[in-house]
Amino acid sequence: MTTLITHPLPALALGLALGSRVIPPRLLWLGAIAACLPDADMLAFRLGIAYQDVLGHRGFSHSLLFAGLCGILAMLACRGLRCRPLTALLWVSAAVGSHSLLDAMTNGGLGVAWLWPWDAQRYFLPWRPIEVSPFLHGFFTPRGLAVLASEWRWVWQPCLAISATVWLLRLGLQRLRSGKPQPAVQAETEPPSAR
């Protein structure tokens, strides 16, 4: 798994880049929190549920069905989130789904049960550059620091780059739409009275 520090980042980066008119602040923060929600399945270990069980780590809570159910709950709360129902559904579903996508890019574990209940198999992406995070007891070790360095390279930097690019494009489009002329450098000329 990637760390709980990193899981909210794709939702935060994209939401901030799109702006509050597209993703209102309440929805932005709900997406960030929802992106961490699948790892609540870590409690399964304390309850004696095996990792490979459907209720174990990266099982049901990492499925597309779970992401969709979370999106439906957000859709039902759209008034409080100050957004349209479809926006809430898509945003929260995507935020929860991004969790599983990041986990499928790690180099450890059993994979992600994306297609549960239709298919119990667990999947990884073919490209798995992210170091798998140790559980809490091993996080503050050299290995934990290596995981953070891996996440910085493969998640944080791309998210920041994409966010900055989208934000700059949005800013440029806003200026074009507003019809305001862009400041241009004018060549110095003699004032008309000097001629």
C-alpha atoms as a PDB file:
ATOM      1  CA  MET A   1       0.000   0.000   0.000  1.00  0.00           C
ATOM      2  CA  THR A   2       1.035   3.604  -0.351  1.00  0.00           C
ATOM      3  CA  THR A   3       0.999   5.743   2.782  1.00  0.00           C
ATOM      4  CA  LEU A   4      -1.994   7.608   4.163  1.00  0.00           C
ATOM      5  CA  ILE A   5       0.045  10.759   3.592  1.00  0.00           C
ATOM      6  CA  THR A   6       0.046  10.099  -0.157  1.00  0.00           C
ATOM      7  CA  HIS A   7      -3.414   8.650  -0.807  1.00  0.00           C
ATOM      8  CA  PRO A   8      -5.272  12.008  -0.611  1.00  0.00           C
ATOM      9  CA  LEU A   9      -2.782  13.770  -2.878  1.00  0.00           C
ATOM     10  CA  PRO A  10      -4.291  13.000  -6.323  1.00  0.00           C
ATOM     11  CA  ALA A  11      -7.713  14.286  -5.208  1.00  0.00           C
ATOM     12  CA  LEU A  12      -6.248  17.372  -3.531  1.00  0.00           C
ATOM     13  CA  ALA A  13      -3.943  18.193  -6.441  1.00  0.00           C
ATOM     14  CA  LEU A  14      -6.602  17.840  -9.123  1.00  0.00           C
ATOM     15  CA  GLY A  15      -9.325  19.505  -7.055  1.00  0.00           C
ATOM     16  CA  LEU A  16      -7.180  22.537  -6.283  1.00  0.00           C
ATOM     17  CA  ALA A  17      -6.127  22.766  -9.933  1.00  0.00           C
ATOM     18  CA  LEU A  18      -9.732  22.669 -11.151  1.00  0.00           C
ATOM     19  CA  GLY A  19     -10.749  25.350  -8.678  1.00  0.00           C
ATOM     20  CA  SER A  20     -13.552  25.797  -6.192  1.00  0.00           C
ATOM     21  CA  ARG A  21     -16.177  26.523  -8.859  1.00  0.00           C
ATOM     22  CA  VAL A  22     -15.748  22.974 -10.180  1.00  0.00           C
ATOM     23  CA  ILE A  23     -14.864  21.181  -6.918  1.00  0.00           C
ATOM     24  CA  PRO A  24     -16.228  23.115  -3.913  1.00  0.00           C
ATOM     25  CA  PRO A  25     -14.052  23.047  -0.760  1.00  0.00           C
ATOM     26  CA  ARG A  26     -16.327  20.660   1.147  1.00  0.00           C
ATOM     27  CA  LEU A  27     -16.296  18.192  -1.730  1.00  0.00           C
ATOM     28  CA  LEU A  28     -12.533  18.601  -2.115  1.00  0.00           C
ATOM     29  CA  TRP A  29     -11.915  17.646   1.519  1.00  0.00           C
ATOM     30  CA  LEU A  30     -14.430  14.812   1.417  1.00  0.00           C
ATOM     31  CA  GLY A  31     -12.579  13.415  -1.606  1.00  0.00           C
ATOM     32  CA  ALA A  32      -9.258  13.634   0.248  1.00  0.00           C
ATOM     33  CA  ILE A  33     -10.680  11.799   3.262  1.00  0.00           C
ATOM     34  CA  ALA A  34     -12.515   9.270   1.082  1.00  0.00           C
ATOM     35  CA  ALA A  35      -9.246   8.479  -0.708  1.00  0.00           C
ATOM     36  CA  CYS A  36      -7.950   7.077   2.609  1.00  0.00           C
ATOM     37  CA  LEU A  37     -11.123   5.169   3.458  1.00  0.00           C
ATOM     38  CA  PRO A  38     -10.220   1.844   1.767  1.00  0.00           C
ATOM     39  CA  ASP A  39      -7.394   1.328   4.257  1.00  0.00           C
ATOM     40  CA  ALA A  40      -9.950   1.057   7.059  1.00  0.00           C
ATOM     41  CA  ASP A  41      -9.732  -2.620   6.123  1.00  0.00           C
ATOM     42  CA  MET A  42      -6.512  -2.702   8.153  1.00  0.00           C
ATOM     43  CA  LEU A  43      -8.821  -3.246  11.132  1.00  0.00           C
ATOM     44  CA  ALA A  44      -9.474  -6.701   9.678  1.00  0.00           C
ATOM     45  CA  PHE A  45      -6.084  -7.831  10.964  1.00  0.00           C
ATOM     46  CA  ARG A  46      -7.148  -7.013  14.528  1.00  0.00           C
ATOM     47  CA  LEU A  47     -10.383  -8.923  14.002  1.00  0.00           C
ATOM     48  CA  GLY A  48      -8.518 -12.028  12.858  1.00  0.00           C
ATOM     49  CA  ILE A  49      -9.558 -11.702   9.211  1.00  0.00           C
ATOM     50  CA  ALA A  50      -6.882 -13.018   6.863  1.00  0.00           C
ATOM     51  CA  TYR A  51      -5.191 -10.695   4.378  1.00  0.00           C
ATOM     52  CA  GLN A  52      -6.405 -12.750   1.409  1.00  0.00           C
ATOM     53  CA  ASP A  53     -10.035 -12.805   2.613  1.00  0.00           C
ATOM     54  CA  VAL A  54     -12.515 -10.640   0.705  1.00  0.00           C
ATOM     55  CA  LEU A  55     -12.828  -8.484   3.845  1.00  0.00           C
ATOM     56  CA  GLY A  56      -9.049  -8.477   4.296  1.00  0.00           C
ATOM     57  CA  HIS A  57      -6.613  -5.802   3.179  1.00  0.00           C
ATOM     58  CA  ARG A  58      -7.083  -4.708  -0.448  1.00  0.00           C
ATOM     59  CA  GLY A  59     -10.280  -6.754  -0.721  1.00  0.00           C
ATOM     60  CA  PHE A  60     -13.842  -5.380  -0.886  1.00  0.00           C
ATOM     61  CA  SER A  61     -12.889  -1.888   0.293  1.00  0.00           C
ATOM     62  CA  HIS A  62     -10.521  -1.558  -2.669  1.00  0.00           C
ATOM     63  CA  SER A  63     -13.101  -2.634  -5.274  1.00  0.00           C
ATOM     64  CA  LEU A  64     -14.772  -0.473  -7.895  1.00  0.00           C
ATOM     65  CA  LEU A  65     -18.077  -1.415  -6.257  1.00  0.00           C
ATOM     66  CA  PHE A  66     -16.930   0.137  -2.971  1.00  0.00           C
ATOM     67  CA  ALA A  67     -15.771   3.284  -4.803  1.00  0.00           C
ATOM     68  CA  GLY A  68     -19.172   3.526  -6.473  1.00  0.00           C
ATOM     69  CA  LEU A  69     -21.033   3.042  -3.186  1.00  0.00           C
ATOM     70  CA  CYS A  70     -18.977   5.819  -1.592  1.00  0.00           C
ATOM     71  CA  GLY A  71     -19.827   8.028  -4.569  1.00  0.00           C
ATOM     72  CA  ILE A  72     -23.536   7.285  -4.156  1.00  0.00           C
ATOM     73  CA  LEU A  73     -23.355   8.288  -0.479  1.00  0.00           C
ATOM     74  CA  ALA A  74     -21.672  11.543  -1.497  1.00  0.00           C
ATOM     75  CA  MET A  75     -24.349  12.106  -4.123  1.00  0.00           C
ATOM     76  CA  LEU A  76     -27.005  11.805  -1.413  1.00  0.00           C
ATOM     77  CA  ALA A  77     -25.157  14.468   0.586  1.00  0.00           C
ATOM     78  CA  CYS A  78     -24.659  16.843  -2.365  1.00  0.00           C
ATOM     79  CA  ARG A  79     -26.626  19.708  -0.793  1.00  0.00           C
ATOM     80  CA  GLY A  80     -24.350  19.791   2.223  1.00  0.00           C
ATOM     81  CA  LEU A  81     -21.350  19.510  -0.097  1.00  0.00           C
ATOM     82  CA  ARG A  82     -22.682  22.438  -2.169  1.00  0.00           C
ATOM     83  CA  CYS A  83     -22.389  20.674  -5.482  1.00  0.00           C
ATOM     84  CA  ARG A  84     -24.455  18.866  -8.065  1.00  0.00           C
ATOM     85  CA  PRO A  85     -25.259  15.190  -7.411  1.00  0.00           C
ATOM     86  CA  LEU A  86     -23.320  13.957 -10.447  1.00  0.00           C
ATOM     87  CA  THR A  87     -20.262  15.973  -9.422  1.00  0.00           C
ATOM     88  CA  ALA A  88     -20.337  14.424  -5.928  1.00  0.00           C
ATOM     89  CA  LEU A  89     -20.812  10.913  -7.329  1.00  0.00           C
ATOM     90  CA  LEU A  90     -17.973  11.158  -9.840  1.00  0.00           C
ATOM     91  CA  TRP A  91     -15.535  13.034  -7.593  1.00  0.00           C
ATOM     92  CA  VAL A  92     -15.795  10.759  -4.561  1.00  0.00           C
ATOM     93  CA  SER A  93     -15.874   7.584  -6.673  1.00  0.00           C
ATOM     94  CA  ALA A  94     -12.717   8.735  -8.458  1.00  0.00           C
ATOM     95  CA  ALA A  95     -11.015   9.697  -5.176  1.00  0.00           C
ATOM     96  CA  VAL A  96     -11.722   6.280  -3.628  1.00  0.00           C
ATOM     97  CA  GLY A  97     -10.755   4.563  -6.878  1.00  0.00           C
ATOM     98  CA  SER A  98      -7.444   6.439  -6.953  1.00  0.00           C
ATOM     99  CA  HIS A  99      -6.523   4.659  -3.719  1.00  0.00           C
ATOM    100  CA  SER A 100      -6.756   1.266  -5.399  1.00  0.00           C
ATOM    101  CA  LEU A 101      -4.911   2.527  -8.459  1.00  0.00           C
ATOM    102  CA  LEU A 102      -1.961   3.643  -6.317  1.00  0.00           C
ATOM    103  CA  ASP A 103      -1.974   0.372  -4.377  1.00  0.00           C
ATOM    104  CA  ALA A 104      -1.918  -1.564  -7.657  1.00  0.00           C
ATOM    105  CA  MET A 105       1.275   0.311  -8.558  1.00  0.00           C
ATOM    106  CA  THR A 106       3.170  -0.952  -5.497  1.00  0.00           C
ATOM    107  CA  ASN A 107       5.761  -3.707  -5.567  1.00  0.00           C
ATOM    108  CA  GLY A 108       4.297  -5.807  -2.756  1.00  0.00           C
ATOM    109  CA  GLY A 109       1.192  -7.341  -1.270  1.00  0.00           C
ATOM    110  CA  LEU A 110      -1.442  -9.531  -2.871  1.00  0.00           C
ATOM    111  CA  GLY A 111      -2.911  -7.098  -5.375  1.00  0.00           C
ATOM    112  CA  VAL A 112      -6.236  -5.270  -5.446  1.00  0.00           C
ATOM    113  CA  ALA A 113      -9.693  -6.888  -5.697  1.00  0.00           C
ATOM    114  CA  TRP A 114     -10.946  -4.301  -8.209  1.00  0.00           C
ATOM    115  CA  LEU A 115     -13.669  -6.461  -9.705  1.00  0.00           C
ATOM    116  CA  TRP A 116     -15.099  -7.988  -6.543  1.00  0.00           C
ATOM    117  CA  PRO A 117     -17.854  -9.410  -6.279  1.00  0.00           C
ATOM    118  CA  TRP A 118     -17.755 -10.423  -9.955  1.00  0.00           C
ATOM    119  CA  ASP A 119     -14.171 -11.626  -9.773  1.00  0.00           C
ATOM    120  CA  ALA A 120     -12.284 -12.415  -6.553  1.00  0.00           C
ATOM    121  CA  GLN A 121      -8.869 -12.260  -8.244  1.00  0.00           C
ATOM    122  CA  ARG A 122      -6.517  -9.512  -7.110  1.00  0.00           C
ATOM    123  CA  TYR A 123      -4.731  -7.390  -9.637  1.00  0.00           C
ATOM    124  CA  PHE A 124      -1.600  -5.286  -9.973  1.00  0.00           C
ATOM    125  CA  LEU A 125      -0.769  -2.941 -12.796  1.00  0.00           C
ATOM    126  CA  PRO A 126       2.016  -4.136 -15.100  1.00  0.00           C
ATOM    127  CA  TRP A 127       4.080  -1.127 -14.012  1.00  0.00           C
ATOM    128  CA  ARG A 128       4.767  -1.188 -10.251  1.00  0.00           C
ATOM    129  CA  PRO A 129       7.387   1.441  -9.364  1.00  0.00           C
ATOM    130  CA  ILE A 130       6.085   2.436  -5.908  1.00  0.00           C
ATOM    131  CA  GLU A 131       7.707   0.819  -2.878  1.00  0.00           C
ATOM    132  CA  VAL A 132       5.098  -0.901  -0.738  1.00  0.00           C
ATOM    133  CA  SER A 133       4.713   0.778   2.642  1.00  0.00           C
ATOM    134  CA  PRO A 134       5.396  -1.132   5.837  1.00  0.00           C
ATOM    135  CA  PHE A 135       2.623  -1.180   8.388  1.00  0.00           C
ATOM    136  CA  LEU A 136       2.813   1.318  11.251  1.00  0.00           C
ATOM    137  CA  HIS A 137       5.396  -0.542  13.325  1.00  0.00           C
ATOM    138  CA  GLY A 138       7.943  -0.343  10.492  1.00  0.00           C
ATOM    139  CA  PHE A 139       7.106   3.078   9.117  1.00  0.00           C
ATOM    140  CA  PHE A 140       9.641   5.167  11.050  1.00  0.00           C
ATOM    141  CA  THR A 141      12.626   3.182   9.810  1.00  0.00           C
ATOM    142  CA  PRO A 142      15.028   3.556   6.876  1.00  0.00           C
ATOM    143  CA  ARG A 143      12.607   1.420   4.862  1.00  0.00           C
ATOM    144  CA  GLY A 144       9.771   3.840   5.638  1.00  0.00           C
ATOM    145  CA  LEU A 145      11.921   6.727   4.420  1.00  0.00           C
ATOM    146  CA  ALA A 146      12.653   4.794   1.215  1.00  0.00           C
ATOM    147  CA  VAL A 147       8.889   4.410   0.712  1.00  0.00           C
ATOM    148  CA  LEU A 148       8.375   8.161   1.125  1.00  0.00           C
ATOM    149  CA  ALA A 149      11.174   8.842  -1.367  1.00  0.00           C
ATOM    150  CA  SER A 150       9.519   6.448  -3.819  1.00  0.00           C
ATOM    151  CA  GLU A 151       6.136   8.126  -3.342  1.00  0.00           C
ATOM    152  CA  TRP A 152       7.742  11.552  -3.788  1.00  0.00           C
ATOM    153  CA  ARG A 153       9.132  10.440  -7.137  1.00  0.00           C
ATOM    154  CA  TRP A 154       6.199   8.472  -8.504  1.00  0.00           C
ATOM    155  CA  VAL A 155       3.163  10.221  -6.961  1.00  0.00           C
ATOM    156  CA  TRP A 156       3.936  13.628  -5.457  1.00  0.00           C
ATOM    157  CA  GLN A 157       6.034  15.037  -8.294  1.00  0.00           C
ATOM    158  CA  PRO A 158       3.617  13.972 -11.079  1.00  0.00           C
ATOM    159  CA  CYS A 159       0.604  15.201  -9.072  1.00  0.00           C
ATOM    160  CA  LEU A 160       2.235  18.570  -8.446  1.00  0.00           C
ATOM    161  CA  ALA A 161       3.267  18.878 -12.107  1.00  0.00           C
ATOM    162  CA  ILE A 162      -0.204  17.960 -13.390  1.00  0.00           C
ATOM    163  CA  SER A 163      -1.861  20.249 -10.858  1.00  0.00           C
ATOM    164  CA  ALA A 164       0.345  23.203 -11.788  1.00  0.00           C
ATOM    165  CA  THR A 165      -0.208  22.579 -15.509  1.00  0.00           C
ATOM    166  CA  VAL A 166      -4.001  22.366 -15.157  1.00  0.00           C
ATOM    167  CA  TRP A 167      -4.040  25.462 -12.946  1.00  0.00           C
ATOM    168  CA  LEU A 168      -1.962  27.463 -15.463  1.00  0.00           C
ATOM    169  CA  LEU A 169      -4.154  26.310 -18.361  1.00  0.00           C
ATOM    170  CA  ARG A 170      -7.267  27.253 -16.413  1.00  0.00           C
ATOM    171  CA  LEU A 171      -5.797  30.663 -15.605  1.00  0.00           C
ATOM    172  CA  GLY A 172      -4.915  31.231 -19.261  1.00  0.00           C
ATOM    173  CA  LEU A 173      -8.408  30.231 -20.405  1.00  0.00           C
ATOM    174  CA  GLN A 174      -9.988  32.558 -17.853  1.00  0.00           C
ATOM    175  CA  ARG A 175      -7.940  35.452 -19.200  1.00  0.00           C
ATOM    176  CA  LEU A 176      -8.889  34.616 -22.775  1.00  0.00           C
ATOM    177  CA  ARG A 177     -12.580  34.393 -21.888  1.00  0.00           C
ATOM    178  CA  SER A 178     -12.581  37.638 -19.966  1.00  0.00           C
ATOM    179  CA  GLY A 179     -11.340  39.447 -23.064  1.00  0.00           C
ATOM    180  CA  LYS A 180      -8.702  41.319 -21.142  1.00  0.00           C
ATOM    181  CA  PRO A 181      -5.713  42.061 -23.318  1.00  0.00           C
ATOM    182  CA  GLN A 182      -2.518  40.477 -22.192  1.00  0.00           C
ATOM    183  CA  PRO A 183       0.094  42.955 -21.035  1.00  0.00           C
ATOM    184  CA  ALA A 184       2.554  43.439 -23.850  1.00  0.00           C
ATOM    185  CA  VAL A 185       5.948  45.032 -23.844  1.00  0.00           C
ATOM    186  CA  GLN A 186       5.683  48.250 -25.826  1.00  0.00           C
ATOM    187  CA  ALA A 187       8.631  49.710 -27.606  1.00  0.00           C
ATOM    188  CA  GLU A 188       9.611  53.135 -26.398  1.00  0.00           C
ATOM    189  CA  THR A 189       8.665  55.788 -28.878  1.00  0.00           C
ATOM    190  CA  GLU A 190       8.828  59.517 -28.850  1.00  0.00           C
ATOM    191  CA  PRO A 191       5.760  61.173 -27.421  1.00  0.00           C
ATOM    192  CA  PRO A 192       3.487  62.664 -30.115  1.00  0.00           C
ATOM    193  CA  SER A 193       4.259  66.243 -28.970  1.00  0.00           C
ATOM    194  CA  ALA A 194       7.985  65.751 -29.676  1.00  0.00           C
ATOM    195  CA  ARG A 195       7.422  65.264 -33.415  1.00  0.00           C
END
